[in-house]
Amino acid sequence: MDWFRLRTGWLFFLVVVVGARAALGQPPQAGDYSAADYSVVEARNEKVAMRDGARLVVDVFRPDAEGRHPAVLCQTPYNKNGLAARAKWFAARGYVVVNSDSRGRFDSEGEWDPFSPKHKTDGYDLVEWIADQPWSNGRVGTYGLSYMGWTQWWTATQAPPALRCMVPEVAPPDQFYNGPYQNGILVCWAVDWAGMMAGRTPNVVGKGAYGGFGATRPADYMKTPYIELDDRRKHGHTSWYDTWIRQNLASGDYWRAISYQNAADYANVKVPSLAISGWFDANFPGAPMNYLAMKRHGGTPEARRPRLVIGPWEHIINRSRTAAGVDFGPQALIDWDGYVCRWFDHHLKQIPNGVLDDPPVHVFVMGRNRWLAAEDWPLPGTRWTKFYLHSGGKANGSAGDGLLGTEPPGDEPPDAYTYDPADPTPSPAFANGHIDGPRDVSASAARAVVLVYTTPPLEEEVVVVGPITAKLYASTSAGDTDWMVRLVDVHPDGYAAFLCEGVMRARH
């Protein structure tokens, strides 16, 4: 067991007062976009040679019409066959859509490693191959969510000449901000994902999420060393999983080769980006991080004008108006593919449709259940506010004396708790390893082994939107430990609605 002392420190978070510089009730407007004027011709399982000779397998969906057309690329490790419906939707509107299985997955040749630097060059080679085809007008865009968001950023850092725009959807950040590691901590959902992705085709063991352990999953995660998880899954050994465990610092060569969130790589991105994420997506940090970085480091004036959309969704965006049983109303769902088509119409068909005149940032304000359109992120007019931790030294659990307020602390005693790794604090069962909505976390907060700081009941409406940072002053009797901070909204009936959280390994 480890013993911890937490000095009264502070939480930073921002309070946004909605004013003239942020307009309510304005989701991203699809407006007028290309009509479905074409029947679609399909060409399945074509092989495209990469620079090292490996051949990737692609499906091509194109309008049944003469001439050259703009094109859209999507690279996936999850089986390109599952992307056909969306491809046909865009092909009917005058786009050639090329879906590719990632290197080493399904029928694509080469060795599969989720973070091989070859994914960067493969993206470049596919974009230029598309531009050279007789059905192409030489202008290529990209789209796709989650891992397919990664492939877009990796491709864009190589600056293929034919690339004109990108739509990274719920794109994760680099591999030490979110997954497989989050600020030094190997996260379970990423290890589950590694189990599913261990071979050429999906590997599912038991009934656990992402090919996890099923009923034995919680017990298996209590066993160390984690490098042996491959053997306990009985799915065969993966050398890249070994590399994840052995190279557990971001400075390692393995991670540097695939990283994209640095000034030099951002400067190589020459094209504008339209990013989207959900408040309850585990990969959420990537979208706002990329928005801010492209504004500062993008390689062209167009690239330095990124777009950002954040809605009340889980990892699979814009599919449901509810999350964890909370209904966010009809405005929670938008015509996203219509908006993407409008974006492509401008950049790939060169139609002057005014999409660049739209506000660059759209966020959904939960509680009000309204969209807010703004000129930047963080939102203009933001009032940055510090909230400090207070107590009489007994902030243990929600029944303790921990207070959260805007006044700096005085001469107050530290709070302490004992952490037993064999008895971790449980959380609600989030779906598929991802934070899936404002679940009630009051049971976790009731335990004396966590520290809880609560404001007095709010007397007026407060809109909280933007980056949240926790700054802790703490010591531990252990050689190392993990810190977790969670922000919740406590309802009058005691329901503690999850909003967001962060974790960090102390030595990280």
Protein backbone atom coordinates (compact mmCIF):
# COMPACT_ATOMS: atom_id res chain seq x y z
CA MET A 1 0.00 0.00 0.00
CA ASP A 2 1.13 3.53 -0.74
CA TRP A 3 0.43 6.60 1.38
CA PHE A 4 -0.11 9.98 -0.21
CA ARG A 5 -0.22 13.56 1.01
CA LEU A 6 -1.94 16.18 -1.12
CA ARG A 7 -1.23 19.79 -0.31
CA THR A 8 -4.02 22.24 -0.93
CA GLY A 9 -3.38 23.14 -4.55
CA TRP A 10 -5.60 24.36 -7.30
CA LEU A 11 -7.68 23.34 -10.23
CA PHE A 12 -7.65 25.63 -13.23
CA PHE A 13 -10.67 25.65 -15.42
CA LEU A 14 -12.33 28.21 -17.56
CA VAL A 15 -15.79 29.68 -17.37
CA VAL A 16 -17.21 31.00 -20.61
CA VAL A 17 -19.78 33.77 -20.62
CA VAL A 18 -21.69 33.49 -23.89
CA GLY A 19 -21.86 36.92 -25.48
CA ALA A 20 -21.82 38.68 -28.81
CA ARG A 21 -18.69 36.85 -29.94
CA ALA A 22 -20.30 33.42 -29.67
CA ALA A 23 -23.68 32.73 -31.26
CA LEU A 24 -26.11 30.17 -29.85
CA GLY A 25 -28.20 27.82 -31.93
CA GLN A 26 -25.83 27.43 -34.88
CA PRO A 27 -24.66 23.90 -35.65
CA PRO A 28 -22.42 23.34 -38.68
CA GLN A 29 -24.70 24.09 -41.61
CA ALA A 30 -24.56 21.59 -44.46
CA GLY A 31 -26.48 23.98 -46.69
CA ASP A 32 -26.27 23.28 -50.41
CA TYR A 33 -23.94 20.48 -51.46
CA SER A 34 -23.60 18.21 -54.48
CA ALA A 35 -26.71 16.24 -55.33
CA ALA A 36 -26.75 12.46 -55.82
CA ASP A 37 -26.80 12.72 -59.62
CA TYR A 38 -24.75 9.62 -60.47
CA SER A 39 -25.04 5.89 -60.38
CA VAL A 40 -21.95 4.23 -58.95
CA VAL A 41 -19.40 1.88 -60.52
CA GLU A 42 -17.39 -0.37 -58.20
CA ALA A 43 -13.96 -1.93 -58.68
CA ARG A 44 -13.05 -4.19 -55.77
CA ASN A 45 -9.71 -5.51 -54.55
CA GLU A 46 -7.37 -3.66 -56.86
CA LYS A 47 -3.71 -3.87 -55.85
CA VAL A 48 -1.57 -0.75 -55.58
CA ALA A 49 2.21 -1.03 -55.23
CA MET A 50 3.93 1.01 -52.55
CA ARG A 51 7.51 2.29 -52.88
CA ASP A 52 8.94 -0.80 -51.15
CA GLY A 53 7.02 -3.18 -53.44
CA ALA A 54 4.30 -4.16 -50.98
CA ARG A 55 0.85 -4.06 -52.59
CA LEU A 56 -2.12 -2.63 -50.72
CA VAL A 57 -5.62 -3.72 -51.66
CA VAL A 58 -8.17 -1.00 -52.46
CA ASP A 59 -11.80 -0.69 -53.46
CA VAL A 60 -12.68 2.09 -55.90
CA PHE A 61 -16.17 3.63 -56.07
CA ARG A 62 -16.63 6.18 -58.84
CA PRO A 63 -19.43 8.02 -60.61
CA ASP A 64 -20.70 6.25 -63.71
CA ALA A 65 -19.76 9.17 -65.95
CA GLU A 66 -17.07 10.15 -68.39
CA GLY A 67 -14.33 12.60 -67.45
CA ARG A 68 -12.18 13.20 -64.44
CA HIS A 69 -13.44 13.59 -60.90
CA PRO A 70 -12.09 14.64 -57.51
CA ALA A 71 -11.21 11.78 -55.19
CA VAL A 72 -11.36 10.90 -51.49
CA LEU A 73 -9.09 8.39 -49.75
CA CYS A 74 -9.82 6.40 -46.58
CA GLN A 75 -7.18 4.04 -45.12
CA THR A 76 -8.38 1.55 -42.53
CA PRO A 77 -7.10 -1.45 -40.56
CA TYR A 78 -10.70 -2.54 -39.84
CA ASN A 79 -11.68 -4.03 -43.24
CA LYS A 80 -12.41 -1.70 -46.13
CA ASN A 81 -15.59 -3.66 -46.92
CA GLY A 82 -17.30 -1.97 -44.00
CA LEU A 83 -16.76 1.46 -45.55
CA ALA A 84 -18.65 0.82 -48.79
CA ALA A 85 -21.94 2.54 -47.89
CA ARG A 86 -20.32 5.87 -47.10
CA ALA A 87 -18.13 5.60 -50.19
CA LYS A 88 -21.17 5.08 -52.40
CA TRP A 89 -22.90 8.09 -50.85
CA PHE A 90 -20.05 10.35 -51.89
CA ALA A 91 -19.51 8.63 -55.25
CA ALA A 92 -23.15 9.34 -56.15
CA ARG A 93 -22.29 13.02 -55.62
CA GLY A 94 -19.43 13.09 -58.08
CA TYR A 95 -16.45 11.82 -56.06
CA VAL A 96 -14.22 8.82 -56.63
CA VAL A 97 -13.76 7.18 -53.23
CA VAL A 98 -10.83 4.84 -52.63
CA ASN A 99 -10.93 2.61 -49.55
CA SER A 100 -7.67 0.88 -48.64
CA ASP A 101 -6.84 -1.86 -46.15
CA SER A 102 -3.80 -0.80 -44.14
CA ARG A 103 -0.47 -2.51 -44.68
CA GLY A 104 -0.51 -6.05 -43.28
CA ARG A 105 -4.26 -6.14 -42.65
CA PHE A 106 -6.71 -8.38 -44.49
CA ASP A 107 -5.40 -8.81 -48.07
CA SER A 108 -2.91 -5.95 -48.09
CA GLU A 109 0.68 -7.09 -48.21
CA GLY A 110 3.46 -6.16 -45.82
CA GLU A 111 3.94 -6.55 -42.09
CA TRP A 112 1.25 -5.16 -39.78
CA ASP A 113 2.35 -2.85 -37.00
CA PRO A 114 -0.17 -0.19 -35.89
CA PHE A 115 2.61 2.39 -35.55
CA SER A 116 4.98 1.54 -38.35
CA PRO A 117 6.37 4.66 -40.07
CA LYS A 118 5.50 2.95 -43.35
CA HIS A 119 1.89 4.09 -42.80
CA LYS A 120 3.13 7.63 -43.46
CA THR A 121 4.71 6.79 -46.81
CA ASP A 122 1.86 4.46 -47.76
CA GLY A 123 -0.54 7.38 -47.43
CA TYR A 124 1.64 9.54 -49.67
CA ASP A 125 1.91 6.77 -52.29
CA LEU A 126 -1.85 6.14 -52.31
CA VAL A 127 -2.67 9.84 -52.74
CA GLU A 128 -0.26 10.17 -55.67
CA TRP A 129 -1.48 6.92 -57.24
CA ILE A 130 -5.03 8.23 -57.11
CA ALA A 131 -4.01 11.54 -58.70
CA ASP A 132 -2.41 9.66 -61.60
CA GLN A 133 -5.50 7.60 -62.53
CA PRO A 134 -7.49 8.39 -65.69
CA TRP A 135 -10.66 9.04 -63.65
CA SER A 136 -8.94 11.57 -61.35
CA ASN A 137 -8.83 15.35 -61.71
CA GLY A 138 -5.66 15.36 -59.59
CA ARG A 139 -7.31 16.77 -56.45
CA VAL A 140 -7.53 14.39 -53.47
CA GLY A 141 -9.08 14.69 -50.00
CA THR A 142 -9.19 12.29 -47.07
CA TYR A 143 -11.71 11.32 -44.39
CA GLY A 144 -12.23 8.66 -41.73
CA LEU A 145 -12.59 8.30 -37.98
CA SER A 146 -10.40 7.09 -35.12
CA TYR A 147 -7.39 5.18 -36.50
CA MET A 148 -8.35 6.52 -39.94
CA GLY A 149 -7.88 9.99 -38.43
CA TRP A 150 -4.34 8.99 -37.51
CA THR A 151 -3.67 7.81 -41.07
CA GLN A 152 -4.80 11.20 -42.38
CA TRP A 153 -2.44 13.16 -40.16
CA TRP A 154 0.43 10.77 -40.90
CA THR A 155 -0.22 11.16 -44.63
CA ALA A 156 -0.56 14.94 -44.46
CA THR A 157 2.84 15.29 -42.74
CA GLN A 158 4.41 13.83 -45.89
CA ALA A 159 2.87 16.64 -48.00
CA PRO A 160 1.73 14.66 -51.07
CA PRO A 161 1.30 17.26 -53.86
CA ALA A 162 -2.19 16.05 -54.86
CA LEU A 163 -3.64 16.33 -51.33
CA ARG A 164 -5.99 19.31 -51.05
CA CYS A 165 -7.89 18.89 -47.76
CA MET A 166 -8.60 16.47 -44.92
CA VAL A 167 -11.42 15.53 -42.54
CA PRO A 168 -9.87 13.81 -39.50
CA GLU A 169 -12.75 12.49 -37.41
CA VAL A 170 -12.09 11.68 -33.72
CA ALA A 171 -8.39 11.49 -34.56
CA PRO A 172 -6.29 10.54 -31.52
CA PRO A 173 -3.26 12.60 -30.55
CA ASP A 174 0.25 11.16 -30.42
CA GLN A 175 0.69 7.84 -28.66
CA PHE A 176 1.70 9.20 -25.24
CA TYR A 177 -1.18 11.66 -24.80
CA ASN A 178 -4.06 9.22 -25.16
CA GLY A 179 -3.28 5.65 -26.21
CA PRO A 180 -1.56 3.26 -25.87
CA TYR A 181 -0.14 5.53 -23.15
CA GLN A 182 -1.88 8.44 -21.48
CA ASN A 183 0.68 10.67 -19.79
CA GLY A 184 2.85 7.66 -18.95
CA ILE A 185 0.08 5.17 -18.11
CA LEU A 186 -0.64 2.17 -20.33
CA VAL A 187 -4.43 2.33 -20.75
CA CYS A 188 -6.55 -0.81 -20.70
CA TRP A 189 -8.68 0.01 -23.74
CA ALA A 190 -5.53 0.30 -25.86
CA VAL A 191 -4.30 -3.07 -24.62
CA ASP A 192 -7.72 -4.54 -25.48
CA TRP A 193 -7.39 -2.98 -28.91
CA ALA A 194 -3.95 -4.54 -29.32
CA GLY A 195 -5.52 -7.93 -28.66
CA MET A 196 -8.12 -7.39 -31.35
CA MET A 197 -5.51 -6.12 -33.80
CA ALA A 198 -2.88 -8.79 -33.14
CA GLY A 199 -3.16 -10.48 -36.52
CA ARG A 200 -4.15 -9.89 -40.11
CA THR A 201 -7.87 -10.13 -39.28
CA PRO A 202 -9.80 -9.30 -36.07
CA ASN A 203 -8.98 -11.49 -33.10
CA VAL A 204 -11.78 -11.80 -30.55
CA VAL A 205 -11.30 -13.71 -27.31
CA GLY A 206 -14.27 -14.22 -25.01
CA LYS A 207 -16.86 -11.48 -24.76
CA GLY A 208 -14.65 -8.60 -23.71
CA ALA A 209 -14.48 -5.32 -25.62
CA TYR A 210 -11.84 -5.07 -28.36
CA GLY A 211 -10.95 -8.76 -28.13
CA GLY A 212 -10.38 -8.59 -24.39
CA PHE A 213 -10.73 -11.33 -21.82
CA GLY A 214 -14.48 -11.52 -21.36
CA ALA A 215 -15.50 -12.40 -17.82
CA THR A 216 -11.89 -12.74 -16.65
CA ARG A 217 -10.77 -9.34 -17.96
CA PRO A 218 -10.75 -7.44 -14.62
CA ALA A 219 -8.76 -10.19 -12.94
CA ASP A 220 -6.31 -10.46 -15.82
CA TYR A 221 -5.55 -6.74 -15.64
CA MET A 222 -4.59 -7.17 -12.00
CA LYS A 223 -1.75 -9.46 -13.04
CA THR A 224 1.69 -8.23 -14.01
CA PRO A 225 3.87 -8.01 -16.00
CA TYR A 226 1.66 -6.71 -18.79
CA ILE A 227 4.08 -7.95 -21.39
CA GLU A 228 2.63 -11.42 -20.72
CA LEU A 229 -0.90 -10.38 -21.67
CA ASP A 230 -0.29 -11.72 -25.16
CA ASP A 231 0.19 -15.22 -23.76
CA ARG A 232 -2.87 -15.02 -21.50
CA ARG A 233 -5.02 -14.00 -24.45
CA LYS A 234 -3.83 -17.06 -26.37
CA HIS A 235 -3.85 -15.13 -29.64
CA GLY A 236 -0.20 -15.45 -30.50
CA HIS A 237 2.76 -13.20 -29.93
CA THR A 238 3.06 -9.73 -31.45
CA SER A 239 6.49 -8.17 -31.56
CA TRP A 240 5.05 -4.67 -31.72
CA TYR A 241 3.17 -5.20 -28.45
CA ASP A 242 6.48 -6.11 -26.85
CA THR A 243 7.86 -2.86 -28.23
CA TRP A 244 5.00 -0.91 -26.65
CA ILE A 245 5.94 -2.28 -23.23
CA ARG A 246 9.71 -2.07 -23.54
CA GLN A 247 9.79 1.39 -25.11
CA ASN A 248 7.53 3.10 -22.61
CA LEU A 249 8.98 6.57 -23.03
CA ALA A 250 7.90 8.99 -25.73
CA SER A 251 11.53 9.68 -26.55
CA GLY A 252 12.06 6.17 -27.94
CA ASP A 253 12.87 5.76 -31.63
CA TYR A 254 9.77 3.62 -32.22
CA TRP A 255 7.39 6.37 -31.13
CA ARG A 256 9.30 9.26 -32.67
CA ALA A 257 9.05 7.62 -36.10
CA ILE A 258 5.25 7.70 -36.13
CA SER A 259 4.57 10.85 -34.10
CA TYR A 260 2.99 13.81 -35.86
CA GLN A 261 2.26 16.33 -33.10
CA ASN A 262 5.46 18.35 -33.29
CA ALA A 263 6.20 21.71 -34.91
CA ALA A 264 8.23 20.25 -37.80
CA ASP A 265 5.53 17.76 -38.84
CA TYR A 266 2.73 20.29 -38.51
CA ALA A 267 4.74 22.67 -40.73
CA ASN A 268 4.75 19.97 -43.42
CA VAL A 269 0.94 19.89 -43.46
CA LYS A 270 -0.07 22.13 -46.37
CA VAL A 271 -3.82 21.55 -46.46
CA PRO A 272 -6.85 22.74 -44.44
CA SER A 273 -8.40 20.37 -41.90
CA LEU A 274 -11.99 19.93 -40.74
CA ALA A 275 -11.86 18.02 -37.43
CA ILE A 276 -14.68 16.64 -35.32
CA SER A 277 -14.87 14.89 -31.95
CA GLY A 278 -17.26 14.17 -29.09
CA TRP A 279 -17.12 15.38 -25.51
CA PHE A 280 -17.26 11.76 -24.32
CA ASP A 281 -14.73 10.29 -26.74
CA ALA A 282 -11.56 8.85 -25.19
CA ASN A 283 -9.67 10.22 -28.21
CA PHE A 284 -11.08 13.71 -27.65
CA PRO A 285 -7.74 15.45 -26.86
CA GLY A 286 -6.51 15.03 -30.44
CA ALA A 287 -8.97 17.38 -32.16
CA PRO A 288 -8.43 20.57 -30.09
CA MET A 289 -4.68 19.91 -29.87
CA ASN A 290 -4.46 19.69 -33.65
CA TYR A 291 -6.63 22.77 -34.12
CA LEU A 292 -4.33 24.91 -31.97
CA ALA A 293 -1.15 23.48 -33.42
CA MET A 294 -2.22 23.98 -37.03
CA LYS A 295 -3.09 27.61 -36.33
CA ARG A 296 0.44 28.10 -35.09
CA HIS A 297 2.55 25.77 -37.23
CA GLY A 298 0.57 24.92 -40.39
CA GLY A 299 2.63 24.98 -43.57
CA THR A 300 0.39 27.31 -45.60
CA PRO A 301 -2.10 30.11 -44.87
CA GLU A 302 -4.92 27.68 -45.73
CA ALA A 303 -3.58 25.05 -43.33
CA ARG A 304 -3.40 27.67 -40.57
CA ARG A 305 -7.18 28.10 -40.77
CA PRO A 306 -8.40 24.75 -39.36
CA ARG A 307 -12.00 23.93 -38.41
CA LEU A 308 -13.22 22.26 -35.21
CA VAL A 309 -16.58 20.65 -34.32
CA ILE A 310 -17.31 19.13 -30.88
CA GLY A 311 -20.64 17.44 -30.14
CA PRO A 312 -22.25 15.51 -27.24
CA TRP A 313 -21.18 12.14 -28.58
CA GLU A 314 -19.17 9.07 -27.78
CA HIS A 315 -16.41 7.69 -29.99
CA ILE A 316 -18.74 6.93 -32.88
CA ILE A 317 -19.83 10.49 -33.56
CA ASN A 318 -23.26 11.80 -34.54
CA ARG A 319 -25.01 8.46 -34.31
CA SER A 320 -27.26 9.05 -31.30
CA ARG A 321 -28.76 12.06 -29.53
CA THR A 322 -28.35 10.23 -26.21
CA ALA A 323 -25.22 9.31 -24.24
CA ALA A 324 -25.34 7.07 -21.17
CA GLY A 325 -29.11 7.55 -21.10
CA VAL A 326 -29.05 11.36 -21.22
CA ASP A 327 -31.02 12.85 -24.12
CA PHE A 328 -29.39 15.97 -25.58
CA GLY A 329 -32.30 16.76 -27.86
CA PRO A 330 -32.83 16.77 -31.63
CA GLN A 331 -30.12 19.36 -32.26
CA ALA A 332 -27.50 16.88 -31.07
CA LEU A 333 -27.59 15.23 -34.50
CA ILE A 334 -26.38 17.12 -37.56
CA ASP A 335 -26.04 16.47 -41.29
CA TRP A 336 -22.36 15.70 -40.91
CA ASP A 337 -21.73 13.99 -44.25
CA GLY A 338 -23.57 16.87 -45.91
CA TYR A 339 -21.20 19.32 -44.24
CA VAL A 340 -18.21 17.18 -45.25
CA CYS A 341 -19.51 17.11 -48.81
CA ARG A 342 -19.81 20.90 -48.77
CA TRP A 343 -16.18 21.05 -47.55
CA PHE A 344 -15.08 18.72 -50.37
CA ASP A 345 -17.17 20.65 -52.92
CA HIS A 346 -15.13 23.77 -52.14
CA HIS A 347 -11.67 22.23 -51.93
CA LEU A 348 -11.90 19.43 -54.49
CA LYS A 349 -14.53 20.68 -56.97
CA GLN A 350 -13.55 24.33 -56.41
CA ILE A 351 -17.19 25.40 -55.96
CA PRO A 352 -17.42 28.85 -54.27
CA ASN A 353 -20.08 27.77 -51.76
CA GLY A 354 -19.09 30.03 -48.86
CA VAL A 355 -18.00 27.23 -46.52
CA LEU A 356 -14.89 29.20 -45.59
CA ASP A 357 -17.12 32.04 -44.41
CA ASP A 358 -18.63 29.81 -41.72
CA PRO A 359 -17.42 30.22 -38.12
CA PRO A 360 -14.37 27.96 -37.71
CA VAL A 361 -15.50 26.48 -34.38
CA HIS A 362 -18.80 24.80 -33.43
CA VAL A 363 -19.33 23.28 -29.99
CA PHE A 364 -22.40 21.75 -28.39
CA VAL A 365 -23.20 23.20 -24.95
CA MET A 366 -24.69 20.40 -22.87
CA GLY A 367 -27.38 21.33 -20.37
CA ARG A 368 -28.58 24.10 -22.63
CA ASN A 369 -28.46 21.52 -25.41
CA ARG A 370 -27.64 24.14 -27.99
CA TRP A 371 -24.87 24.62 -30.50
CA LEU A 372 -22.51 27.53 -30.18
CA ALA A 373 -20.56 28.98 -33.12
CA ALA A 374 -17.37 30.94 -32.48
CA GLU A 375 -14.36 32.41 -34.22
CA ASP A 376 -11.73 30.48 -32.27
CA TRP A 377 -10.86 27.90 -29.66
CA PRO A 378 -10.68 28.42 -26.73
CA LEU A 379 -13.78 30.51 -27.20
CA PRO A 380 -13.36 34.29 -27.46
CA GLY A 381 -14.67 35.94 -24.33
CA THR A 382 -13.49 33.09 -22.14
CA ARG A 383 -13.05 34.07 -18.51
CA TRP A 384 -10.21 31.91 -17.21
CA THR A 385 -10.95 31.01 -13.60
CA LYS A 386 -8.85 29.29 -10.92
CA PHE A 387 -10.60 27.05 -8.43
CA TYR A 388 -8.60 26.06 -5.35
CA LEU A 389 -8.76 22.99 -3.14
CA HIS A 390 -9.69 23.59 0.51
CA SER A 391 -10.16 21.32 3.50
CA GLY A 392 -9.52 20.81 7.17
CA GLY A 393 -7.40 17.79 6.29
CA LYS A 394 -10.32 15.39 5.88
CA ALA A 395 -11.39 15.60 2.24
CA ASN A 396 -11.72 11.81 2.00
CA GLY A 397 -14.78 10.85 0.01
CA SER A 398 -17.89 12.85 -0.78
CA ALA A 399 -18.77 12.90 2.94
CA GLY A 400 -15.48 14.65 3.78
CA ASP A 401 -14.76 18.34 4.29
CA GLY A 402 -13.22 19.09 0.89
CA LEU A 403 -14.31 22.37 -0.67
CA LEU A 404 -13.67 23.87 -4.11
CA GLY A 405 -13.64 27.65 -4.32
CA THR A 406 -12.14 30.65 -6.04
CA GLU A 407 -10.33 31.96 -2.96
CA PRO A 408 -6.67 30.85 -2.59
CA PRO A 409 -6.08 28.53 0.38
CA GLY A 410 -4.64 29.78 3.65
CA ASP A 411 -2.75 27.79 6.27
CA GLU A 412 -4.65 24.54 5.75
CA PRO A 413 -3.49 20.99 6.53
CA PRO A 414 -2.78 18.51 3.75
CA ASP A 415 -5.17 15.74 2.85
CA ALA A 416 -3.97 12.14 2.80
CA TYR A 417 -5.23 8.83 1.49
CA THR A 418 -3.96 5.27 1.22
CA TYR A 419 -4.04 3.58 -2.13
CA ASP A 420 -4.13 -0.21 -2.32
CA PRO A 421 -3.35 -1.44 -5.87
CA ALA A 422 -5.18 -4.66 -5.07
CA ASP A 423 -8.39 -2.72 -4.40
CA PRO A 424 -8.66 0.01 -7.05
CA THR A 425 -11.56 2.45 -7.03
CA PRO A 426 -14.17 1.16 -9.49
CA SER A 427 -15.87 3.24 -12.15
CA PRO A 428 -19.06 2.63 -14.13
CA ALA A 429 -18.63 0.25 -17.03
CA PHE A 430 -17.84 2.61 -19.87
CA ALA A 431 -18.66 1.20 -23.30
CA ASN A 432 -15.85 -0.27 -25.40
CA GLY A 433 -13.18 1.32 -23.25
CA HIS A 434 -14.40 4.80 -24.16
CA ILE A 435 -16.07 7.35 -21.92
CA ASP A 436 -19.62 7.07 -23.18
CA GLY A 437 -21.54 9.83 -21.43
CA PRO A 438 -22.38 11.61 -18.18
CA ARG A 439 -22.65 8.46 -16.07
CA ASP A 440 -23.23 8.63 -12.34
CA VAL A 441 -19.86 8.31 -10.59
CA SER A 442 -21.11 9.09 -7.08
CA ALA A 443 -20.29 5.57 -5.85
CA SER A 444 -16.62 6.07 -6.70
CA ALA A 445 -16.57 9.45 -4.94
CA ALA A 446 -18.05 7.98 -1.76
CA ARG A 447 -14.92 5.95 -1.00
CA ALA A 448 -12.53 7.30 1.64
CA VAL A 449 -9.55 6.36 -0.53
CA VAL A 450 -10.29 9.25 -2.90
CA LEU A 451 -10.25 12.97 -2.17
CA VAL A 452 -13.32 15.01 -3.10
CA TYR A 453 -13.63 18.80 -3.31
CA THR A 454 -17.04 20.28 -4.05
CA THR A 455 -18.27 23.82 -4.65
CA PRO A 456 -21.33 25.15 -2.85
CA PRO A 457 -24.50 24.80 -4.94
CA LEU A 458 -24.38 27.12 -7.93
CA GLU A 459 -26.76 30.05 -7.64
CA GLU A 460 -26.88 30.92 -11.32
CA GLU A 461 -26.24 29.34 -14.70
CA VAL A 462 -22.57 28.86 -15.54
CA VAL A 463 -21.31 27.71 -18.93
CA VAL A 464 -18.06 25.75 -18.66
CA VAL A 465 -16.40 25.15 -22.02
CA GLY A 466 -12.77 24.60 -22.89
CA PRO A 467 -9.44 23.20 -21.71
CA ILE A 468 -9.26 22.10 -18.08
CA THR A 469 -5.99 21.70 -16.20
CA ALA A 470 -5.34 20.30 -12.74
CA LYS A 471 -2.23 21.40 -10.87
CA LEU A 472 -1.40 19.27 -7.84
CA TYR A 473 1.13 19.63 -5.06
CA ALA A 474 1.60 16.14 -3.71
CA SER A 475 4.03 13.61 -2.27
CA THR A 476 3.96 9.82 -2.05
CA SER A 477 5.64 7.13 -0.01
CA ALA A 478 5.92 5.00 -3.16
CA GLY A 479 8.66 5.14 -5.77
CA ASP A 480 6.04 6.18 -8.32
CA THR A 481 2.28 6.50 -8.55
CA ASP A 482 -0.57 7.50 -10.84
CA TRP A 483 -2.70 10.58 -10.26
CA MET A 484 -6.27 10.86 -11.51
CA VAL A 485 -8.43 13.97 -11.45
CA ARG A 486 -12.08 13.85 -12.41
CA LEU A 487 -14.55 16.73 -12.89
CA VAL A 488 -18.21 15.98 -12.22
CA ASP A 489 -21.48 17.91 -12.06
CA VAL A 490 -23.33 17.08 -8.83
CA HIS A 491 -27.10 17.23 -9.26
CA PRO A 492 -29.50 18.19 -6.44
CA ASP A 493 -30.43 14.51 -5.99
CA GLY A 494 -26.79 13.48 -5.56
CA TYR A 495 -26.28 12.14 -9.08
CA ALA A 496 -22.65 12.94 -9.95
CA ALA A 497 -22.54 13.29 -13.73
CA PHE A 498 -19.15 12.51 -15.23
CA LEU A 499 -17.77 15.36 -17.38
CA CYS A 500 -14.09 14.67 -17.94
CA GLU A 501 -10.96 13.26 -16.33
CA GLY A 502 -7.21 13.13 -16.68
CA VAL A 503 -4.46 10.79 -15.48
CA MET A 504 -0.71 11.05 -15.20
CA ARG A 505 2.11 8.88 -13.93
CA ALA A 506 4.09 10.95 -11.44
CA ARG A 507 7.49 10.45 -13.09
CA HIS A 508 5.99 11.36 -16.46
